[in-house]
Every structure is written in C-alpha cells, then in structure tokens.
N, C-alpha and C. Protein backbone atom coordinates (compact mmCIF):
# COMPACT_ATOMS: atom_id res chain seq x y z
N MET A 1 0.84 -1.17 0.00
CA MET A 1 0.00 0.00 0.00
C MET A 1 0.89 1.24 0.00
N THR A 2 0.82 2.03 -1.05
CA THR A 2 1.68 3.22 -1.16
C THR A 2 0.88 4.50 -1.23
N THR A 3 -0.43 4.41 -1.33
CA THR A 3 -1.27 5.60 -1.39
C THR A 3 -1.94 5.81 -0.04
N PRO A 4 -1.78 6.99 0.56
CA PRO A 4 -2.43 7.21 1.85
C PRO A 4 -3.96 7.23 1.71
N ILE A 5 -4.63 6.85 2.78
CA ILE A 5 -6.08 6.92 2.86
C ILE A 5 -6.41 8.22 3.58
N ARG A 6 -7.21 9.06 2.95
CA ARG A 6 -7.60 10.33 3.56
C ARG A 6 -8.92 10.15 4.29
N ILE A 7 -8.91 10.47 5.57
CA ILE A 7 -10.07 10.30 6.45
C ILE A 7 -10.50 11.65 7.00
N ILE A 8 -11.81 11.87 7.00
CA ILE A 8 -12.35 13.05 7.68
C ILE A 8 -13.12 12.59 8.90
N GLY A 9 -12.84 13.24 10.02
CA GLY A 9 -13.60 13.02 11.25
C GLY A 9 -14.52 14.21 11.44
N ILE A 10 -15.75 13.95 11.85
CA ILE A 10 -16.73 15.03 12.01
C ILE A 10 -17.34 14.94 13.41
N ASP A 11 -17.30 16.07 14.12
CA ASP A 11 -17.91 16.20 15.44
C ASP A 11 -19.13 17.11 15.27
N PRO A 12 -20.34 16.52 15.12
CA PRO A 12 -21.51 17.32 14.79
C PRO A 12 -21.96 18.24 15.93
N GLY A 13 -22.41 19.40 15.53
CA GLY A 13 -23.00 20.36 16.45
C GLY A 13 -23.80 21.35 15.64
N LEU A 14 -24.86 21.88 16.22
CA LEU A 14 -25.69 22.83 15.47
C LEU A 14 -25.02 24.19 15.37
N ARG A 15 -24.35 24.63 16.44
CA ARG A 15 -23.63 25.91 16.38
C ARG A 15 -22.29 25.76 15.67
N ARG A 16 -21.56 24.71 16.08
CA ARG A 16 -20.22 24.47 15.54
C ARG A 16 -20.08 22.98 15.26
N THR A 17 -19.76 22.66 14.02
CA THR A 17 -19.44 21.28 13.65
C THR A 17 -17.95 21.22 13.36
N GLY A 18 -17.25 20.45 14.18
CA GLY A 18 -15.81 20.32 13.99
C GLY A 18 -15.49 19.30 12.91
N TRP A 19 -14.38 19.52 12.23
CA TRP A 19 -13.92 18.57 11.22
C TRP A 19 -12.39 18.48 11.30
N GLY A 20 -11.90 17.30 11.01
CA GLY A 20 -10.46 17.08 10.99
C GLY A 20 -10.11 16.07 9.91
N VAL A 21 -9.08 16.37 9.15
CA VAL A 21 -8.67 15.52 8.03
C VAL A 21 -7.27 15.01 8.29
N ILE A 22 -7.11 13.68 8.13
CA ILE A 22 -5.80 13.05 8.31
C ILE A 22 -5.54 12.12 7.13
N ASP A 23 -4.27 11.85 6.89
CA ASP A 23 -3.86 10.83 5.92
C ASP A 23 -3.26 9.67 6.69
N VAL A 24 -3.63 8.46 6.30
CA VAL A 24 -3.14 7.25 6.96
C VAL A 24 -2.47 6.37 5.92
N LEU A 25 -1.25 5.97 6.23
CA LEU A 25 -0.50 5.04 5.38
C LEU A 25 0.12 4.00 6.29
N GLY A 26 -0.44 2.80 6.27
CA GLY A 26 0.00 1.76 7.20
C GLY A 26 -0.26 2.21 8.63
N ASN A 27 0.79 2.25 9.44
CA ASN A 27 0.65 2.71 10.82
C ASN A 27 0.98 4.19 10.98
N SER A 28 1.28 4.85 9.88
CA SER A 28 1.65 6.25 9.91
C SER A 28 0.42 7.14 9.71
N VAL A 29 0.31 8.16 10.55
CA VAL A 29 -0.81 9.10 10.46
C VAL A 29 -0.23 10.50 10.30
N ARG A 30 -0.80 11.25 9.35
CA ARG A 30 -0.32 12.62 9.10
C ARG A 30 -1.49 13.59 9.17
N PHE A 31 -1.32 14.67 9.91
CA PHE A 31 -2.31 15.74 9.99
C PHE A 31 -2.38 16.46 8.65
N VAL A 32 -3.61 16.72 8.18
CA VAL A 32 -3.81 17.48 6.95
C VAL A 32 -4.40 18.85 7.27
N ALA A 33 -5.55 18.86 7.94
CA ALA A 33 -6.21 20.14 8.26
C ALA A 33 -7.32 19.90 9.27
N SER A 34 -7.76 20.97 9.90
CA SER A 34 -8.91 20.88 10.80
C SER A 34 -9.57 22.25 10.88
N GLY A 35 -10.79 22.25 11.36
CA GLY A 35 -11.50 23.51 11.49
C GLY A 35 -12.91 23.28 12.00
N VAL A 36 -13.70 24.33 11.86
CA VAL A 36 -15.07 24.30 12.34
C VAL A 36 -15.97 24.96 11.30
N VAL A 37 -17.12 24.35 11.07
CA VAL A 37 -18.17 24.95 10.25
C VAL A 37 -19.20 25.48 11.24
N THR A 38 -19.57 26.74 11.09
CA THR A 38 -20.52 27.34 12.03
C THR A 38 -21.83 27.69 11.34
N SER A 39 -22.87 27.80 12.17
CA SER A 39 -24.15 28.27 11.67
C SER A 39 -24.54 29.51 12.46
N ASP A 40 -25.35 30.33 11.88
CA ASP A 40 -25.79 31.58 12.50
C ASP A 40 -26.89 31.28 13.50
N GLY A 41 -26.57 31.45 14.79
CA GLY A 41 -27.52 31.15 15.85
C GLY A 41 -28.79 31.99 15.81
N GLY A 42 -28.79 33.09 15.06
CA GLY A 42 -29.98 33.92 14.96
C GLY A 42 -30.96 33.44 13.91
N ASP A 43 -30.52 32.51 13.07
CA ASP A 43 -31.38 31.99 12.00
C ASP A 43 -32.30 30.89 12.52
N GLU A 44 -33.32 30.61 11.73
CA GLU A 44 -34.19 29.46 12.01
C GLU A 44 -33.39 28.19 11.75
N LEU A 45 -33.95 27.06 12.16
CA LEU A 45 -33.25 25.78 12.07
C LEU A 45 -32.88 25.41 10.63
N ALA A 46 -33.81 25.50 9.70
CA ALA A 46 -33.54 25.05 8.32
C ALA A 46 -32.36 25.78 7.69
N PRO A 47 -32.31 27.13 7.75
CA PRO A 47 -31.14 27.80 7.17
C PRO A 47 -29.83 27.43 7.87
N ARG A 48 -29.88 27.14 9.16
CA ARG A 48 -28.67 26.75 9.88
C ARG A 48 -28.18 25.39 9.38
N LEU A 49 -29.11 24.49 9.11
CA LEU A 49 -28.72 23.18 8.58
C LEU A 49 -28.12 23.32 7.18
N VAL A 50 -28.65 24.25 6.40
CA VAL A 50 -28.08 24.51 5.07
C VAL A 50 -26.65 25.04 5.21
N GLN A 51 -26.43 25.93 6.18
CA GLN A 51 -25.09 26.47 6.40
C GLN A 51 -24.10 25.35 6.76
N LEU A 52 -24.55 24.44 7.62
CA LEU A 52 -23.67 23.31 7.99
C LEU A 52 -23.41 22.42 6.78
N HIS A 53 -24.46 22.14 6.01
CA HIS A 53 -24.31 21.30 4.81
C HIS A 53 -23.32 21.92 3.85
N ASP A 54 -23.54 23.18 3.53
CA ASP A 54 -22.67 23.84 2.54
C ASP A 54 -21.23 23.93 3.03
N GLY A 55 -21.04 24.20 4.32
CA GLY A 55 -19.68 24.28 4.86
C GLY A 55 -18.97 22.94 4.81
N LEU A 56 -19.66 21.88 5.25
CA LEU A 56 -19.05 20.55 5.20
C LEU A 56 -18.81 20.08 3.78
N ASP A 57 -19.73 20.42 2.89
CA ASP A 57 -19.56 20.03 1.49
C ASP A 57 -18.31 20.71 0.91
N ALA A 58 -18.09 21.97 1.26
CA ALA A 58 -16.90 22.69 0.78
C ALA A 58 -15.62 22.04 1.32
N VAL A 59 -15.64 21.59 2.58
CA VAL A 59 -14.48 20.91 3.17
C VAL A 59 -14.21 19.62 2.40
N HIS A 60 -15.27 18.85 2.12
CA HIS A 60 -15.11 17.61 1.35
C HIS A 60 -14.58 17.90 -0.05
N GLU A 61 -15.09 18.92 -0.67
CA GLU A 61 -14.64 19.28 -2.02
C GLU A 61 -13.15 19.64 -2.02
N HIS A 62 -12.74 20.41 -1.03
CA HIS A 62 -11.36 20.89 -0.97
C HIS A 62 -10.36 19.78 -0.62
N TYR A 63 -10.70 18.93 0.36
CA TYR A 63 -9.74 17.94 0.86
C TYR A 63 -9.91 16.54 0.28
N GLY A 64 -11.06 16.24 -0.29
CA GLY A 64 -11.27 14.94 -0.95
C GLY A 64 -11.06 13.71 -0.11
N PRO A 65 -11.66 13.64 1.08
CA PRO A 65 -11.50 12.41 1.86
C PRO A 65 -12.16 11.22 1.16
N VAL A 66 -11.66 10.02 1.47
CA VAL A 66 -12.24 8.81 0.89
C VAL A 66 -12.96 7.97 1.94
N GLU A 67 -12.79 8.32 3.20
CA GLU A 67 -13.50 7.68 4.30
C GLU A 67 -13.92 8.75 5.29
N ALA A 68 -15.02 8.49 5.99
CA ALA A 68 -15.52 9.46 6.97
C ALA A 68 -15.91 8.76 8.26
N ALA A 69 -15.79 9.49 9.35
CA ALA A 69 -16.21 9.00 10.66
C ALA A 69 -16.94 10.13 11.37
N VAL A 70 -18.07 9.79 11.96
CA VAL A 70 -18.92 10.78 12.64
C VAL A 70 -19.21 10.28 14.05
N GLU A 71 -19.21 11.21 14.99
CA GLU A 71 -19.50 10.84 16.36
C GLU A 71 -21.01 10.70 16.55
N HIS A 72 -21.40 9.70 17.34
CA HIS A 72 -22.81 9.51 17.70
C HIS A 72 -23.29 10.69 18.52
N THR A 73 -24.58 10.92 18.50
CA THR A 73 -25.18 12.01 19.27
C THR A 73 -25.12 11.71 20.75
N PHE A 74 -24.73 12.73 21.50
CA PHE A 74 -24.76 12.64 22.95
C PHE A 74 -26.15 13.07 23.40
N VAL A 75 -26.84 12.21 24.11
CA VAL A 75 -28.19 12.51 24.57
C VAL A 75 -28.13 13.22 25.91
N ASN A 76 -28.79 14.38 25.99
CA ASN A 76 -28.80 15.10 27.26
C ASN A 76 -30.23 15.25 27.78
N LYS A 77 -30.40 15.99 28.85
CA LYS A 77 -31.70 16.11 29.49
C LYS A 77 -32.68 16.95 28.69
N ASP A 78 -32.18 17.84 27.85
CA ASP A 78 -33.04 18.71 27.05
C ASP A 78 -33.37 18.00 25.74
N ALA A 79 -34.58 17.45 25.65
CA ALA A 79 -34.98 16.68 24.47
C ALA A 79 -34.93 17.53 23.20
N GLY A 80 -35.33 18.79 23.28
CA GLY A 80 -35.31 19.68 22.11
C GLY A 80 -33.90 19.88 21.58
N ALA A 81 -32.96 20.10 22.50
CA ALA A 81 -31.57 20.30 22.09
C ALA A 81 -31.01 19.02 21.48
N THR A 82 -31.36 17.89 22.06
CA THR A 82 -30.89 16.60 21.53
C THR A 82 -31.43 16.38 20.13
N LEU A 83 -32.69 16.72 19.92
CA LEU A 83 -33.30 16.56 18.60
C LEU A 83 -32.61 17.45 17.56
N LYS A 84 -32.32 18.70 17.93
CA LYS A 84 -31.63 19.61 17.00
C LYS A 84 -30.22 19.10 16.70
N LEU A 85 -29.54 18.59 17.73
CA LEU A 85 -28.20 18.03 17.52
C LEU A 85 -28.29 16.83 16.57
N GLY A 86 -29.34 16.04 16.73
CA GLY A 86 -29.53 14.91 15.84
C GLY A 86 -29.72 15.34 14.39
N GLN A 87 -30.37 16.46 14.19
CA GLN A 87 -30.55 16.97 12.83
C GLN A 87 -29.22 17.45 12.26
N ALA A 88 -28.40 18.08 13.09
CA ALA A 88 -27.06 18.50 12.64
C ALA A 88 -26.22 17.26 12.32
N ARG A 89 -26.38 16.22 13.13
CA ARG A 89 -25.66 14.96 12.89
C ARG A 89 -26.10 14.34 11.57
N GLY A 90 -27.39 14.49 11.25
CA GLY A 90 -27.90 14.00 9.97
C GLY A 90 -27.16 14.65 8.81
N ILE A 91 -26.89 15.93 8.92
CA ILE A 91 -26.12 16.64 7.88
C ILE A 91 -24.70 16.07 7.82
N ALA A 92 -24.11 15.82 9.01
CA ALA A 92 -22.75 15.27 9.05
C ALA A 92 -22.66 13.90 8.41
N LEU A 93 -23.75 13.14 8.47
CA LEU A 93 -23.79 11.83 7.81
C LEU A 93 -24.11 11.96 6.33
N LEU A 94 -24.98 12.90 6.00
CA LEU A 94 -25.45 13.07 4.63
C LEU A 94 -24.34 13.52 3.67
N VAL A 95 -23.57 14.50 4.08
CA VAL A 95 -22.57 15.08 3.16
C VAL A 95 -21.59 14.02 2.65
N PRO A 96 -20.92 13.26 3.51
CA PRO A 96 -20.01 12.25 2.95
C PRO A 96 -20.75 11.12 2.23
N ALA A 97 -21.94 10.76 2.72
CA ALA A 97 -22.70 9.68 2.07
C ALA A 97 -23.09 10.08 0.65
N ARG A 98 -23.46 11.34 0.44
CA ARG A 98 -23.82 11.81 -0.90
C ARG A 98 -22.63 11.79 -1.84
N ARG A 99 -21.44 11.83 -1.29
CA ARG A 99 -20.22 11.77 -2.10
C ARG A 99 -19.74 10.33 -2.29
N GLY A 100 -20.53 9.38 -1.81
CA GLY A 100 -20.21 7.97 -2.00
C GLY A 100 -19.26 7.38 -0.97
N LEU A 101 -18.97 8.09 0.10
CA LEU A 101 -18.08 7.58 1.14
C LEU A 101 -18.85 6.68 2.09
N LEU A 102 -18.21 5.62 2.55
CA LEU A 102 -18.75 4.85 3.66
C LEU A 102 -18.51 5.67 4.92
N VAL A 103 -19.51 5.72 5.78
CA VAL A 103 -19.41 6.54 6.98
C VAL A 103 -19.45 5.66 8.22
N ALA A 104 -18.38 5.68 8.99
CA ALA A 104 -18.32 4.95 10.25
C ALA A 104 -18.84 5.86 11.36
N GLU A 105 -19.42 5.25 12.38
CA GLU A 105 -19.95 6.01 13.49
C GLU A 105 -19.35 5.49 14.79
N TYR A 106 -18.99 6.41 15.68
CA TYR A 106 -18.35 6.05 16.94
C TYR A 106 -19.01 6.77 18.10
N ALA A 107 -19.22 6.03 19.18
CA ALA A 107 -19.77 6.61 20.40
C ALA A 107 -18.71 7.51 21.04
N PRO A 108 -19.13 8.58 21.71
CA PRO A 108 -18.16 9.47 22.36
C PRO A 108 -17.20 8.72 23.30
N ASN A 109 -17.72 7.78 24.08
CA ASN A 109 -16.84 7.04 25.00
C ASN A 109 -15.83 6.18 24.27
N ALA A 110 -16.20 5.65 23.10
CA ALA A 110 -15.27 4.84 22.30
C ALA A 110 -14.13 5.71 21.78
N VAL A 111 -14.44 6.94 21.38
CA VAL A 111 -13.41 7.87 20.91
C VAL A 111 -12.47 8.21 22.06
N LYS A 112 -13.03 8.54 23.20
CA LYS A 112 -12.21 8.89 24.37
C LYS A 112 -11.32 7.72 24.78
N LYS A 113 -11.87 6.53 24.76
CA LYS A 113 -11.08 5.35 25.14
C LYS A 113 -9.96 5.10 24.14
N ALA A 114 -10.25 5.27 22.84
CA ALA A 114 -9.22 5.04 21.81
C ALA A 114 -8.10 6.07 21.89
N ILE A 115 -8.42 7.31 22.23
CA ILE A 115 -7.43 8.38 22.21
C ILE A 115 -6.73 8.54 23.55
N VAL A 116 -7.50 8.52 24.64
CA VAL A 116 -6.93 8.78 25.96
C VAL A 116 -6.72 7.50 26.76
N GLY A 117 -7.50 6.47 26.46
CA GLY A 117 -7.39 5.23 27.21
C GLY A 117 -8.46 5.09 28.28
N ALA A 118 -9.30 6.12 28.41
CA ALA A 118 -10.40 6.09 29.39
C ALA A 118 -11.65 6.65 28.72
N GLY A 119 -12.77 5.98 28.92
CA GLY A 119 -14.01 6.36 28.27
C GLY A 119 -14.67 7.60 28.82
N HIS A 120 -14.15 8.15 29.91
CA HIS A 120 -14.75 9.35 30.50
C HIS A 120 -13.73 10.47 30.60
N ALA A 121 -12.91 10.62 29.58
CA ALA A 121 -11.86 11.65 29.56
C ALA A 121 -12.48 13.04 29.39
N GLU A 122 -11.75 14.03 29.84
CA GLU A 122 -12.16 15.44 29.70
C GLU A 122 -11.66 16.00 28.38
N LYS A 123 -12.27 17.12 27.95
CA LYS A 123 -11.89 17.77 26.68
C LYS A 123 -10.39 18.09 26.64
N ILE A 124 -9.86 18.59 27.73
CA ILE A 124 -8.43 18.97 27.76
C ILE A 124 -7.55 17.75 27.53
N GLN A 125 -7.97 16.58 28.02
CA GLN A 125 -7.19 15.36 27.80
C GLN A 125 -7.22 14.95 26.32
N ILE A 126 -8.36 15.13 25.69
CA ILE A 126 -8.47 14.83 24.25
C ILE A 126 -7.52 15.73 23.47
N ARG A 127 -7.57 17.04 23.77
CA ARG A 127 -6.69 18.00 23.07
C ARG A 127 -5.22 17.62 23.24
N MET A 128 -4.85 17.29 24.47
CA MET A 128 -3.44 16.97 24.72
C MET A 128 -3.01 15.70 23.99
N MET A 129 -3.86 14.67 24.00
CA MET A 129 -3.48 13.42 23.34
C MET A 129 -3.46 13.54 21.82
N VAL A 130 -4.37 14.35 21.27
CA VAL A 130 -4.33 14.58 19.81
C VAL A 130 -3.00 15.24 19.47
N LYS A 131 -2.54 16.18 20.31
CA LYS A 131 -1.25 16.85 20.08
C LYS A 131 -0.08 15.86 20.22
N VAL A 132 -0.19 14.92 21.15
CA VAL A 132 0.86 13.91 21.33
C VAL A 132 0.90 12.99 20.11
N LEU A 133 -0.28 12.56 19.66
CA LEU A 133 -0.36 11.62 18.54
C LEU A 133 0.00 12.27 17.20
N MET A 134 -0.30 13.56 17.09
CA MET A 134 0.01 14.30 15.85
C MET A 134 0.59 15.66 16.23
N PRO A 135 1.90 15.72 16.50
CA PRO A 135 2.52 16.96 16.97
C PRO A 135 2.34 18.15 16.02
N LYS A 136 2.17 17.89 14.73
CA LYS A 136 2.03 18.99 13.78
C LYS A 136 0.58 19.46 13.62
N ALA A 137 -0.34 18.82 14.33
CA ALA A 137 -1.76 19.19 14.23
C ALA A 137 -1.99 20.57 14.82
N THR A 138 -2.83 21.33 14.13
CA THR A 138 -3.25 22.63 14.63
C THR A 138 -4.77 22.64 14.69
N PHE A 139 -5.27 23.17 15.79
CA PHE A 139 -6.71 23.30 15.97
C PHE A 139 -6.96 24.39 17.00
N ASP A 140 -8.00 25.17 16.77
CA ASP A 140 -8.29 26.30 17.64
C ASP A 140 -9.42 26.02 18.62
N THR A 141 -10.16 24.94 18.41
CA THR A 141 -11.34 24.68 19.24
C THR A 141 -11.37 23.22 19.68
N ASP A 142 -12.15 22.97 20.73
CA ASP A 142 -12.38 21.59 21.16
C ASP A 142 -13.09 20.81 20.07
N ASP A 143 -13.96 21.48 19.31
CA ASP A 143 -14.71 20.80 18.24
C ASP A 143 -13.76 20.23 17.18
N ALA A 144 -12.76 21.02 16.79
CA ALA A 144 -11.79 20.55 15.80
C ALA A 144 -10.91 19.45 16.38
N ALA A 145 -10.51 19.59 17.64
CA ALA A 145 -9.71 18.54 18.30
C ALA A 145 -10.50 17.25 18.39
N ASP A 146 -11.78 17.36 18.75
CA ASP A 146 -12.63 16.17 18.84
C ASP A 146 -12.77 15.51 17.46
N ALA A 147 -12.90 16.31 16.42
CA ALA A 147 -13.03 15.76 15.06
C ALA A 147 -11.77 15.00 14.67
N LEU A 148 -10.61 15.54 15.02
CA LEU A 148 -9.35 14.82 14.75
C LEU A 148 -9.30 13.52 15.56
N ALA A 149 -9.79 13.56 16.79
CA ALA A 149 -9.83 12.35 17.61
C ALA A 149 -10.74 11.30 16.97
N ILE A 150 -11.84 11.74 16.40
CA ILE A 150 -12.76 10.82 15.72
C ILE A 150 -12.08 10.21 14.49
N ALA A 151 -11.37 11.03 13.73
CA ALA A 151 -10.63 10.52 12.56
C ALA A 151 -9.56 9.52 12.99
N LEU A 152 -8.83 9.84 14.07
CA LEU A 152 -7.80 8.93 14.58
C LEU A 152 -8.42 7.61 15.07
N THR A 153 -9.56 7.71 15.71
CA THR A 153 -10.26 6.50 16.17
C THR A 153 -10.61 5.62 14.98
N HIS A 154 -11.09 6.25 13.92
CA HIS A 154 -11.44 5.48 12.73
C HIS A 154 -10.18 4.87 12.10
N ALA A 155 -9.10 5.62 12.07
CA ALA A 155 -7.84 5.08 11.51
C ALA A 155 -7.42 3.84 12.30
N HIS A 156 -7.60 3.87 13.60
CA HIS A 156 -7.24 2.73 14.44
C HIS A 156 -8.17 1.55 14.20
N HIS A 157 -9.47 1.81 14.13
CA HIS A 157 -10.45 0.73 14.01
C HIS A 157 -10.63 0.21 12.59
N ARG A 158 -10.27 1.00 11.59
CA ARG A 158 -10.51 0.56 10.21
C ARG A 158 -9.71 -0.69 9.86
N GLY A 159 -8.52 -0.82 10.38
CA GLY A 159 -7.72 -2.01 10.13
C GLY A 159 -8.34 -3.24 10.76
N VAL A 160 -8.89 -3.06 11.94
CA VAL A 160 -9.55 -4.16 12.64
C VAL A 160 -10.77 -4.60 11.84
N ALA A 161 -11.57 -3.62 11.38
CA ALA A 161 -12.78 -3.94 10.63
C ALA A 161 -12.43 -4.60 9.29
N SER A 162 -11.40 -4.07 8.59
CA SER A 162 -11.08 -4.68 7.29
C SER A 162 -10.50 -6.07 7.47
N GLY A 163 -9.79 -6.30 8.58
CA GLY A 163 -9.27 -7.65 8.85
C GLY A 163 -10.41 -8.63 9.09
N ARG A 164 -11.43 -8.20 9.81
CA ARG A 164 -12.60 -9.06 10.05
C ARG A 164 -13.31 -9.38 8.75
N ILE A 165 -13.45 -8.38 7.89
CA ILE A 165 -14.12 -8.58 6.60
C ILE A 165 -13.31 -9.56 5.75
N ALA A 166 -11.99 -9.37 5.70
CA ALA A 166 -11.12 -10.25 4.90
C ALA A 166 -11.21 -11.69 5.41
N ARG A 167 -11.20 -11.87 6.73
CA ARG A 167 -11.30 -13.23 7.28
C ARG A 167 -12.66 -13.84 6.97
N ALA A 168 -13.71 -13.04 7.03
CA ALA A 168 -15.06 -13.56 6.75
C ALA A 168 -15.18 -13.97 5.28
N VAL A 169 -14.58 -13.19 4.38
CA VAL A 169 -14.64 -13.50 2.95
C VAL A 169 -13.85 -14.77 2.66
N ALA A 170 -12.72 -14.96 3.35
CA ALA A 170 -11.87 -16.13 3.11
C ALA A 170 -12.51 -17.42 3.57
N MET A 171 -13.45 -17.35 4.49
CA MET A 171 -14.07 -18.57 5.03
C MET A 171 -15.06 -19.16 4.09
C-alpha cells in the first residue's frame, strides 16, 4: 500500500461542527487540516442546517476524503436540544454519504477510550493526546480537536474492521 487513505472526522454540532482531516498510510498518520463549520444562531433551524451542509460540502470538495467518521449524538436532558443536535448529525452523515463515502460512526466514550485510554476523559485530555499523537496538528477549538480524535479512532479501528471482513470472505 503506497497511497495514503484520507479520512475526515466530524464532530456534529448545530452551532459548531468540527472537522479534521488526516492521511493514513500503514501505521503512519499525518495531519492534513482541521476547522469548524458554524451556523448563524440567529437563523431558524432550516437555514442553519443549510449552512452546515454547505460548509461541510466545501471541506469535502477541498480535501477529498475517501472515508468518513462521525460521532454519535450525545443525549442530554433537554430533548429539544438533543433533537436539534440529531438533525445536525444527519447533515454530518449526509454530506459524505452523498459523495459515496462509507461513513463509520463512533460513540463518544469509544473515541475517548481510543485516544486517551479512558471512556470518560475530559476535553483537555483529548486535546493533549491529539497533540501527542500528531505533533504537527493545529486546531483552535475543542470541536476541531474532537473531530481529529474521531478521525484517529477510525484510523485505528478501520484495520480491525477490514481484517474481520477479509477473514469472513476467506471462510
């Protein structure tokens, strides 16, 4: 394998959706870019979802990932907020799927465990470990750091999943 696999990690949010792009070649991981797509909090829900869609679509267009990973929705006590977050997550799933990418999904605790080693890690621990794992990574927000953590989690798990598929096909 001589061509790197470009992965985008997406941390969905209605106000801010974080994204992080990495290249993976064997066991080597290289930081490409990260950032946040924002929506105007003063707008109604539908235009905000369009803003998230268009922003993520532009990121996909510019960086050309071939695999995507999205974090599962965190359910909180406010049902309305959870529902809106779920709609933003729908956009995060839709954009790569419309481009023909397979989209992996990871629970927040699975990402934390893969990156920090504990399923209940704090945001600062995620930021620090992303910096340890990719010293050249730059990110200005927790959302972008989380998105890179999601991409790294997928890079780690994709080999396991493809090995299982290969073994199943061989049987």
